[in-house]
Each structure stands twice: as C-alpha cells, then as structure tokens.
C-alpha cells in the first residue's frame, strides 16, 4: 500500500490539485502546502488469516 506524505507537516491528508504542463501539484489539507514534491511511503498490509 502506498501513501503520499506532505514534506512540511508529514500529514497524509493530501489531494491532487492540478496537472498538465507544469506536472502534478498536491495540496495538503493540514498545513495548506501546495507543491509537486511529496513523499511516497510504502507499507506492507498484513493479510487476514483465513478462517477454515
């Protein structure tokens, strides 16, 4: 599972703001950061044990 993280406040409440020629821009709802640079983290989600 991949999660985008804000480079300023390290919050994960980001959404896609704009694109096209300038590239991707993201907006952080926590600190109002707007920019193209975001941190992408990858987490392993443990699988549920199957019930038999």
C-alpha atoms as a PDB file:
ATOM      1  CA  UNK A   1       0.000   0.000   0.000  1.00  0.00           C
ATOM      2  CA  UNK A   2       1.393   3.400  -0.967  1.00  0.00           C
ATOM      3  CA  UNK A   3       0.694   6.606   0.945  1.00  0.00           C
ATOM      4  CA  UNK A   4       1.562  10.183  -0.053  1.00  0.00           C
ATOM      5  CA  UNK A   5       3.025  12.321   2.740  1.00  0.00           C
ATOM      6  CA  UNK A   6       3.401  16.103   2.991  1.00  0.00           C
ATOM      7  CA  UNK A   7       7.069  17.222   3.122  1.00  0.00           C
ATOM      8  CA  UNK A   8       6.278  20.061   5.572  1.00  0.00           C
ATOM      9  CA  UNK A   9       3.991  18.596   8.233  1.00  0.00           C
ATOM     10  CA  UNK A  10       4.251  14.873   7.335  1.00  0.00           C
ATOM     11  CA  UNK A  11       0.462  14.653   7.157  1.00  0.00           C
ATOM     12  CA  UNK A  12      -1.210  12.165   4.845  1.00  0.00           C
ATOM     13  CA  UNK A  13      -4.325  14.202   4.048  1.00  0.00           C
ATOM     14  CA  UNK A  14      -3.248  15.234   0.520  1.00  0.00           C
ATOM     15  CA  UNK A  15      -5.255  15.580  -2.634  1.00  0.00           C
ATOM     16  CA  UNK A  16      -4.389  16.131  -6.295  1.00  0.00           C
ATOM     17  CA  UNK A  17      -4.590  19.853  -7.078  1.00  0.00           C
ATOM     18  CA  UNK A  18      -3.547  20.374 -10.739  1.00  0.00           C
ATOM     19  CA  UNK A  19      -1.528  18.982 -13.598  1.00  0.00           C
ATOM     20  CA  UNK A  20      -0.861  19.252 -17.335  1.00  0.00           C
ATOM     21  CA  UNK A  21       2.259  21.140 -18.489  1.00  0.00           C
ATOM     22  CA  UNK A  22       3.514  22.057 -15.004  1.00  0.00           C
ATOM     23  CA  UNK A  23       3.334  18.475 -13.754  1.00  0.00           C
ATOM     24  CA  UNK A  24       1.488  17.205 -10.710  1.00  0.00           C
ATOM     25  CA  UNK A  25       0.620  19.502  -7.798  1.00  0.00           C
ATOM     26  CA  UNK A  26      -0.712  18.319  -4.473  1.00  0.00           C
ATOM     27  CA  UNK A  27      -2.480  20.224  -1.695  1.00  0.00           C
ATOM     28  CA  UNK A  28      -2.153  19.286   1.990  1.00  0.00           C
ATOM     29  CA  UNK A  29      -5.343  19.864   3.975  1.00  0.00           C
ATOM     30  CA  UNK A  30      -3.420  20.023   7.262  1.00  0.00           C
ATOM     31  CA  UNK A  31      -0.862  22.801   6.564  1.00  0.00           C
ATOM     32  CA  UNK A  32      -2.068  24.132   3.154  1.00  0.00           C
ATOM     33  CA  UNK A  33       1.174  23.122   1.405  1.00  0.00           C
ATOM     34  CA  UNK A  34       0.809  23.209  -2.380  1.00  0.00           C
ATOM     35  CA  UNK A  35       3.565  21.740  -4.493  1.00  0.00           C
ATOM     36  CA  UNK A  36       4.843  18.969  -6.689  1.00  0.00           C
ATOM     37  CA  UNK A  37       7.201  17.434  -4.135  1.00  0.00           C
ATOM     38  CA  UNK A  38       5.569  14.840  -1.889  1.00  0.00           C
ATOM     39  CA  UNK A  39       6.977  11.841  -0.049  1.00  0.00           C
ATOM     40  CA  UNK A  40       5.702   8.457  -1.164  1.00  0.00           C
ATOM     41  CA  UNK A  41       5.825   5.763   1.508  1.00  0.00           C
ATOM     42  CA  UNK A  42       5.119   2.097   1.026  1.00  0.00           C
ATOM     43  CA  UNK A  43       3.654  -0.045   3.800  1.00  0.00           C
ATOM     44  CA  UNK A  44       3.014  -3.755   3.950  1.00  0.00           C
ATOM     45  CA  UNK A  45      -0.523  -4.556   4.979  1.00  0.00           C
ATOM     46  CA  UNK A  46      -0.738  -7.775   6.971  1.00  0.00           C
ATOM     47  CA  UNK A  47      -3.080 -10.336   5.476  1.00  0.00           C
ATOM     48  CA  UNK A  48      -6.045 -11.575   7.443  1.00  0.00           C
ATOM     49  CA  UNK A  49      -5.783 -15.215   8.436  1.00  0.00           C
ATOM     50  CA  UNK A  50      -8.281 -17.284   6.519  1.00  0.00           C
ATOM     51  CA  UNK A  51     -10.992 -18.991   8.521  1.00  0.00           C
ATOM     52  CA  UNK A  52     -11.460 -22.653   7.703  1.00  0.00           C
END
